[in-house]
Amino acid sequence: MLIGMSNFWIKIIDKKNNVVIDDFDFEQGINGPITNKHCIKCIASNQCWFAYAKDKRPDIMTLDIEDYTKNKRNKIGMYHYNCHCEEIDILKPKTSDIQLIIPEGKITWTFNNKSQWINMLGLKSNEEFLTSYKQKVIKKYCDGEYYIISHNKFGVAINIVIEFDGKGEYLGRTFLTRTGWIVFSNGKLKNNTLLGRREN
């Protein structure tokens, strides 16, 4: 593949399972009887979209030759032996394909606790800021400008770094901040951290 890897996107599907990460409470993560039949990593990534590149899609299993030779009936899969998951090619998502899920409490907390930093950008803690923020996050995700930080019972967590141009006395400066998300099924991203640590 000679062109930008962010142009290639995949969707992970488990044909034996319709359950997705969206179906679980974030505080508890994936749990219950379903885990007796299906791997947590499979559920966490089922129906989710990822750019086809290192650190942008969940890592697949590493073959253990010794373990594999002990039972050759095992079929090598994506996340474990005999895994039903597979990657299918999809079109690169458009910004209109993406839905952000931001709990109201996170918005209120951010506006109360990050207001000084937001004001440094010449912005106000209001809908105007939130609209600009959402546009930046969605564009970065669609361009494949994110990286995976974990893949576990809470889902596939990604970080997206976004930029804001300073205004007023901070004119000419660009501020970077890390934002945290869980990849949900079919183009949805659920927010974990609205505005994280500043990167500069």
C-alpha atoms as a PDB file:
ATOM      1  CA  MET A   1       0.000   0.000   0.000  1.00  0.00           C
ATOM      2  CA  LEU A   2       1.778   3.125  -1.225  1.00  0.00           C
ATOM      3  CA  ILE A   3      -0.771   5.792  -0.373  1.00  0.00           C
ATOM      4  CA  GLY A   4      -1.688   7.033   3.089  1.00  0.00           C
ATOM      5  CA  MET A   5      -2.753   4.192   5.338  1.00  0.00           C
ATOM      6  CA  SER A   6      -5.546   6.359   6.772  1.00  0.00           C
ATOM      7  CA  ASN A   7      -7.340   5.916   3.429  1.00  0.00           C
ATOM      8  CA  PHE A   8      -7.819   2.226   4.237  1.00  0.00           C
ATOM      9  CA  TRP A   9     -10.414   1.395   6.867  1.00  0.00           C
ATOM     10  CA  ILE A  10     -11.741  -1.841   8.251  1.00  0.00           C
ATOM     11  CA  LYS A  11     -14.721  -2.947  10.284  1.00  0.00           C
ATOM     12  CA  ILE A  12     -14.341  -5.830  12.697  1.00  0.00           C
ATOM     13  CA  ILE A  13     -17.236  -8.258  12.698  1.00  0.00           C
ATOM     14  CA  ASP A  14     -18.032 -11.387  14.667  1.00  0.00           C
ATOM     15  CA  LYS A  15     -20.569 -13.388  12.675  1.00  0.00           C
ATOM     16  CA  LYS A  16     -21.376 -15.516  15.721  1.00  0.00           C
ATOM     17  CA  ASN A  17     -22.208 -12.582  17.992  1.00  0.00           C
ATOM     18  CA  ASN A  18     -24.426  -9.500  17.745  1.00  0.00           C
ATOM     19  CA  VAL A  19     -23.416  -8.046  21.120  1.00  0.00           C
ATOM     20  CA  VAL A  20     -21.303  -4.870  21.005  1.00  0.00           C
ATOM     21  CA  ILE A  21     -19.525  -2.662  23.532  1.00  0.00           C
ATOM     22  CA  ASP A  22     -22.394  -0.146  23.384  1.00  0.00           C
ATOM     23  CA  ASP A  23     -24.574  -2.690  25.210  1.00  0.00           C
ATOM     24  CA  PHE A  24     -22.611  -2.430  28.464  1.00  0.00           C
ATOM     25  CA  ASP A  25     -22.338   0.116  31.253  1.00  0.00           C
ATOM     26  CA  PHE A  26     -18.951   1.809  31.180  1.00  0.00           C
ATOM     27  CA  GLU A  27     -18.437   1.530  34.944  1.00  0.00           C
ATOM     28  CA  GLN A  28     -18.700  -2.270  34.815  1.00  0.00           C
ATOM     29  CA  GLY A  29     -17.439  -2.983  31.330  1.00  0.00           C
ATOM     30  CA  ILE A  30     -18.173  -6.214  29.491  1.00  0.00           C
ATOM     31  CA  ASN A  31     -19.509  -8.771  31.934  1.00  0.00           C
ATOM     32  CA  GLY A  32     -22.169 -11.394  32.488  1.00  0.00           C
ATOM     33  CA  PRO A  33     -23.014 -14.764  30.898  1.00  0.00           C
ATOM     34  CA  ILE A  34     -22.081 -13.541  27.411  1.00  0.00           C
ATOM     35  CA  THR A  35     -18.403 -13.778  28.407  1.00  0.00           C
ATOM     36  CA  ASN A  36     -18.776 -17.550  28.825  1.00  0.00           C
ATOM     37  CA  LYS A  37     -19.352 -17.870  25.085  1.00  0.00           C
ATOM     38  CA  HIS A  38     -17.488 -14.916  23.616  1.00  0.00           C
ATOM     39  CA  CYS A  39     -14.078 -13.358  24.198  1.00  0.00           C
ATOM     40  CA  ILE A  40     -14.066  -9.918  25.835  1.00  0.00           C
ATOM     41  CA  LYS A  41     -11.745  -8.498  23.164  1.00  0.00           C
ATOM     42  CA  CYS A  42     -14.065  -9.795  20.434  1.00  0.00           C
ATOM     43  CA  ILE A  43     -17.071  -8.088  21.999  1.00  0.00           C
ATOM     44  CA  ALA A  44     -15.102  -4.882  22.603  1.00  0.00           C
ATOM     45  CA  SER A  45     -14.208  -4.481  18.928  1.00  0.00           C
ATOM     46  CA  ASN A  46     -17.281  -6.025  17.280  1.00  0.00           C
ATOM     47  CA  GLN A  47     -18.792  -3.741  14.593  1.00  0.00           C
ATOM     48  CA  CYS A  48     -16.161  -1.039  15.264  1.00  0.00           C
ATOM     49  CA  TRP A  49     -14.313   0.957  12.588  1.00  0.00           C
ATOM     50  CA  PHE A  50     -10.545   1.439  12.486  1.00  0.00           C
ATOM     51  CA  ALA A  51      -7.941   2.834  10.128  1.00  0.00           C
ATOM     52  CA  TYR A  52      -5.846  -0.025   8.774  1.00  0.00           C
ATOM     53  CA  ALA A  53      -2.482   0.851  10.291  1.00  0.00           C
ATOM     54  CA  LYS A  54      -0.307  -0.024  13.255  1.00  0.00           C
ATOM     55  CA  ASP A  55      -1.592   1.383  16.574  1.00  0.00           C
ATOM     56  CA  LYS A  56      -4.852   2.358  14.869  1.00  0.00           C
ATOM     57  CA  ARG A  57      -6.503  -1.061  14.865  1.00  0.00           C
ATOM     58  CA  PRO A  58      -6.458  -3.656  17.671  1.00  0.00           C
ATOM     59  CA  ASP A  59      -3.414  -5.925  17.709  1.00  0.00           C
ATOM     60  CA  ILE A  60      -4.068  -9.451  16.534  1.00  0.00           C
ATOM     61  CA  MET A  61      -2.843 -12.503  18.432  1.00  0.00           C
ATOM     62  CA  THR A  62       0.796 -13.547  18.327  1.00  0.00           C
ATOM     63  CA  LEU A  63       1.308 -17.158  17.347  1.00  0.00           C
ATOM     64  CA  ASP A  64       2.883 -19.300  20.047  1.00  0.00           C
ATOM     65  CA  ILE A  65       4.443 -22.188  18.109  1.00  0.00           C
ATOM     66  CA  GLU A  66       4.827 -24.396  21.172  1.00  0.00           C
ATOM     67  CA  ASP A  67       1.237 -23.847  22.243  1.00  0.00           C
ATOM     68  CA  TYR A  68      -0.067 -24.287  18.711  1.00  0.00           C
ATOM     69  CA  THR A  69       1.722 -27.584  18.139  1.00  0.00           C
ATOM     70  CA  LYS A  70       0.217 -29.042  21.321  1.00  0.00           C
ATOM     71  CA  ASN A  71      -3.215 -28.918  19.735  1.00  0.00           C
ATOM     72  CA  LYS A  72      -3.187 -28.588  15.958  1.00  0.00           C
ATOM     73  CA  ARG A  73      -6.967 -28.586  15.894  1.00  0.00           C
ATOM     74  CA  ASN A  74      -6.758 -24.975  17.023  1.00  0.00           C
ATOM     75  CA  LYS A  75      -7.389 -22.511  14.233  1.00  0.00           C
ATOM     76  CA  ILE A  76      -5.409 -19.281  14.370  1.00  0.00           C
ATOM     77  CA  GLY A  77      -7.746 -16.325  14.779  1.00  0.00           C
ATOM     78  CA  MET A  78      -7.567 -12.570  15.223  1.00  0.00           C
ATOM     79  CA  TYR A  79      -7.551 -12.386  19.011  1.00  0.00           C
ATOM     80  CA  HIS A  80      -7.351 -16.021  20.092  1.00  0.00           C
ATOM     81  CA  TYR A  81      -7.459 -19.532  18.692  1.00  0.00           C
ATOM     82  CA  ASN A  82     -10.737 -20.334  16.916  1.00  0.00           C
ATOM     83  CA  CYS A  83     -11.727 -16.660  16.964  1.00  0.00           C
ATOM     84  CA  HIS A  84     -14.730 -15.838  14.764  1.00  0.00           C
ATOM     85  CA  CYS A  85     -13.788 -12.198  14.208  1.00  0.00           C
ATOM     86  CA  GLU A  86     -12.687 -10.919  10.845  1.00  0.00           C
ATOM     87  CA  GLU A  87     -11.789  -7.597   9.268  1.00  0.00           C
ATOM     88  CA  ILE A  88     -13.800  -6.370   6.300  1.00  0.00           C
ATOM     89  CA  ASP A  89     -12.858  -3.402   4.126  1.00  0.00           C
ATOM     90  CA  ILE A  90     -15.029  -0.309   4.418  1.00  0.00           C
ATOM     91  CA  LEU A  91     -14.880   3.139   2.870  1.00  0.00           C
ATOM     92  CA  LYS A  92     -13.024   5.812   4.762  1.00  0.00           C
ATOM     93  CA  PRO A  93     -15.701   7.419   6.967  1.00  0.00           C
ATOM     94  CA  LYS A  94     -17.021  10.865   6.171  1.00  0.00           C
ATOM     95  CA  THR A  95     -17.405  13.361   8.988  1.00  0.00           C
ATOM     96  CA  SER A  96     -21.165  12.996   8.656  1.00  0.00           C
ATOM     97  CA  ASP A  97     -20.840   9.284   9.439  1.00  0.00           C
ATOM     98  CA  ILE A  98     -19.481   9.892  12.942  1.00  0.00           C
ATOM     99  CA  GLN A  99     -21.558  10.369  16.086  1.00  0.00           C
ATOM    100  CA  LEU A 100     -19.956  11.636  19.288  1.00  0.00           C
ATOM    101  CA  ILE A 101     -21.448  10.561  22.601  1.00  0.00           C
ATOM    102  CA  ILE A 102     -20.522  13.042  25.340  1.00  0.00           C
ATOM    103  CA  PRO A 103     -22.215  12.613  28.725  1.00  0.00           C
ATOM    104  CA  GLU A 104     -23.694  15.903  29.932  1.00  0.00           C
ATOM    105  CA  GLY A 105     -21.791  15.678  33.204  1.00  0.00           C
ATOM    106  CA  LYS A 106     -18.458  15.740  31.402  1.00  0.00           C
ATOM    107  CA  ILE A 107     -19.369  18.950  29.593  1.00  0.00           C
ATOM    108  CA  THR A 108     -20.396  20.672  32.820  1.00  0.00           C
ATOM    109  CA  TRP A 109     -17.276  19.495  34.660  1.00  0.00           C
ATOM    110  CA  THR A 110     -14.990  20.640  31.830  1.00  0.00           C
ATOM    111  CA  PHE A 111     -16.603  24.064  31.587  1.00  0.00           C
ATOM    112  CA  ASN A 112     -16.236  24.502  35.358  1.00  0.00           C
ATOM    113  CA  ASN A 113     -12.710  23.153  35.755  1.00  0.00           C
ATOM    114  CA  LYS A 114     -11.026  24.003  32.457  1.00  0.00           C
ATOM    115  CA  SER A 115     -12.595  27.419  31.901  1.00  0.00           C
ATOM    116  CA  GLN A 116      -9.335  29.322  32.471  1.00  0.00           C
ATOM    117  CA  TRP A 117      -7.541  27.252  29.859  1.00  0.00           C
ATOM    118  CA  ILE A 118     -10.460  27.595  27.434  1.00  0.00           C
ATOM    119  CA  ASN A 119     -10.448  31.358  27.943  1.00  0.00           C
ATOM    120  CA  MET A 120      -6.738  31.417  27.049  1.00  0.00           C
ATOM    121  CA  LEU A 121      -7.810  30.347  23.586  1.00  0.00           C
ATOM    122  CA  GLY A 122     -10.086  33.335  23.313  1.00  0.00           C
ATOM    123  CA  LEU A 123     -13.046  30.985  23.538  1.00  0.00           C
ATOM    124  CA  LYS A 124     -15.864  30.712  26.019  1.00  0.00           C
ATOM    125  CA  SER A 125     -17.212  27.646  27.773  1.00  0.00           C
ATOM    126  CA  ASN A 126     -20.318  27.422  25.654  1.00  0.00           C
ATOM    127  CA  GLU A 127     -21.884  25.730  22.646  1.00  0.00           C
ATOM    128  CA  GLU A 128     -19.600  27.591  20.245  1.00  0.00           C
ATOM    129  CA  PHE A 129     -16.562  25.997  21.860  1.00  0.00           C
ATOM    130  CA  LEU A 130     -18.264  22.597  21.961  1.00  0.00           C
ATOM    131  CA  THR A 131     -19.141  22.769  18.254  1.00  0.00           C
ATOM    132  CA  SER A 132     -15.561  23.631  17.308  1.00  0.00           C
ATOM    133  CA  TYR A 133     -14.264  20.876  19.566  1.00  0.00           C
ATOM    134  CA  LYS A 134     -16.527  18.220  18.027  1.00  0.00           C
ATOM    135  CA  GLN A 135     -15.543  19.200  14.500  1.00  0.00           C
ATOM    136  CA  LYS A 136     -11.849  18.868  15.336  1.00  0.00           C
ATOM    137  CA  VAL A 137     -12.259  15.455  16.987  1.00  0.00           C
ATOM    138  CA  ILE A 138     -14.343  14.014  14.169  1.00  0.00           C
ATOM    139  CA  LYS A 139     -11.956  15.234  11.471  1.00  0.00           C
ATOM    140  CA  LYS A 140      -8.946  13.771  13.280  1.00  0.00           C
ATOM    141  CA  TYR A 141     -10.665  10.406  13.670  1.00  0.00           C
ATOM    142  CA  CYS A 142     -11.739  10.291  10.012  1.00  0.00           C
ATOM    143  CA  ASP A 143      -8.184  11.144   8.950  1.00  0.00           C
ATOM    144  CA  GLY A 144      -6.874   8.271  11.082  1.00  0.00           C
ATOM    145  CA  GLU A 145      -5.041  10.692  13.391  1.00  0.00           C
ATOM    146  CA  TYR A 146      -5.549   8.777  16.612  1.00  0.00           C
ATOM    147  CA  TYR A 147      -3.834   5.949  18.445  1.00  0.00           C
ATOM    148  CA  ILE A 148      -5.083   3.030  20.506  1.00  0.00           C
ATOM    149  CA  ILE A 149      -4.121   2.984  24.176  1.00  0.00           C
ATOM    150  CA  SER A 150      -5.976  -0.125  25.394  1.00  0.00           C
ATOM    151  CA  HIS A 151      -8.251  -2.969  24.326  1.00  0.00           C
ATOM    152  CA  ASN A 152     -10.016  -4.601  27.238  1.00  0.00           C
ATOM    153  CA  LYS A 153     -13.389  -5.110  28.915  1.00  0.00           C
ATOM    154  CA  PHE A 154     -14.079  -1.364  28.778  1.00  0.00           C
ATOM    155  CA  GLY A 155     -13.683  -1.291  24.996  1.00  0.00           C
ATOM    156  CA  VAL A 156     -11.048  -0.049  22.573  1.00  0.00           C
ATOM    157  CA  ALA A 157      -9.777   3.232  24.021  1.00  0.00           C
ATOM    158  CA  ILE A 158      -8.161   5.805  21.740  1.00  0.00           C
ATOM    159  CA  ASN A 159      -6.479   9.164  22.191  1.00  0.00           C
ATOM    160  CA  ILE A 160      -6.973  12.035  19.765  1.00  0.00           C
ATOM    161  CA  VAL A 161      -4.783  15.140  20.058  1.00  0.00           C
ATOM    162  CA  ILE A 162      -6.493  18.308  18.856  1.00  0.00           C
ATOM    163  CA  GLU A 163      -5.174  21.823  18.300  1.00  0.00           C
ATOM    164  CA  PHE A 164      -6.586  25.212  19.190  1.00  0.00           C
ATOM    165  CA  ASP A 165      -5.185  28.529  17.966  1.00  0.00           C
ATOM    166  CA  GLY A 166      -4.654  31.060  20.709  1.00  0.00           C
ATOM    167  CA  LYS A 167      -6.336  34.445  20.553  1.00  0.00           C
ATOM    168  CA  GLY A 168      -5.796  37.838  22.170  1.00  0.00           C
ATOM    169  CA  GLU A 169      -2.522  37.855  24.079  1.00  0.00           C
ATOM    170  CA  TYR A 170      -1.972  34.239  22.975  1.00  0.00           C
ATOM    171  CA  LEU A 171      -2.356  35.011  19.282  1.00  0.00           C
ATOM    172  CA  GLY A 172       0.183  33.065  17.242  1.00  0.00           C
ATOM    173  CA  ARG A 173       0.376  30.173  19.696  1.00  0.00           C
ATOM    174  CA  THR A 174      -1.140  26.759  19.048  1.00  0.00           C
ATOM    175  CA  PHE A 175      -2.321  24.735  22.013  1.00  0.00           C
ATOM    176  CA  LEU A 176      -2.533  20.944  21.885  1.00  0.00           C
ATOM    177  CA  THR A 177      -4.658  18.810  24.167  1.00  0.00           C
ATOM    178  CA  ARG A 178      -5.240  15.091  24.449  1.00  0.00           C
ATOM    179  CA  THR A 179      -8.800  13.790  24.343  1.00  0.00           C
ATOM    180  CA  GLY A 180      -9.934  10.264  25.218  1.00  0.00           C
ATOM    181  CA  TRP A 181     -12.606   8.116  23.556  1.00  0.00           C
ATOM    182  CA  ILE A 182     -14.003   4.591  23.411  1.00  0.00           C
ATOM    183  CA  VAL A 183     -14.691   3.316  19.905  1.00  0.00           C
ATOM    184  CA  PHE A 184     -18.335   2.213  19.773  1.00  0.00           C
ATOM    185  CA  SER A 185     -20.013   0.330  16.956  1.00  0.00           C
ATOM    186  CA  ASN A 186     -20.651   1.720  13.478  1.00  0.00           C
ATOM    187  CA  GLY A 187     -19.050   5.149  13.693  1.00  0.00           C
ATOM    188  CA  LYS A 188     -19.826   6.130  17.269  1.00  0.00           C
ATOM    189  CA  LEU A 189     -17.221   7.466  19.721  1.00  0.00           C
ATOM    190  CA  LYS A 190     -17.991   7.723  23.436  1.00  0.00           C
ATOM    191  CA  ASN A 191     -16.083  10.355  25.352  1.00  0.00           C
ATOM    192  CA  ASN A 192     -13.915   9.511  28.340  1.00  0.00           C
ATOM    193  CA  THR A 193     -11.825  12.670  28.631  1.00  0.00           C
ATOM    194  CA  LEU A 194     -13.125  15.872  27.063  1.00  0.00           C
ATOM    195  CA  LEU A 195      -9.962  17.912  27.600  1.00  0.00           C
ATOM    196  CA  GLY A 196      -7.016  16.060  29.021  1.00  0.00           C
ATOM    197  CA  ARG A 197      -3.440  17.030  29.644  1.00  0.00           C
ATOM    198  CA  ARG A 198      -2.082  19.885  27.577  1.00  0.00           C
ATOM    199  CA  GLU A 199       0.647  18.712  25.220  1.00  0.00           C
ATOM    200  CA  ASN A 200       2.479  22.058  25.080  1.00  0.00           C
END
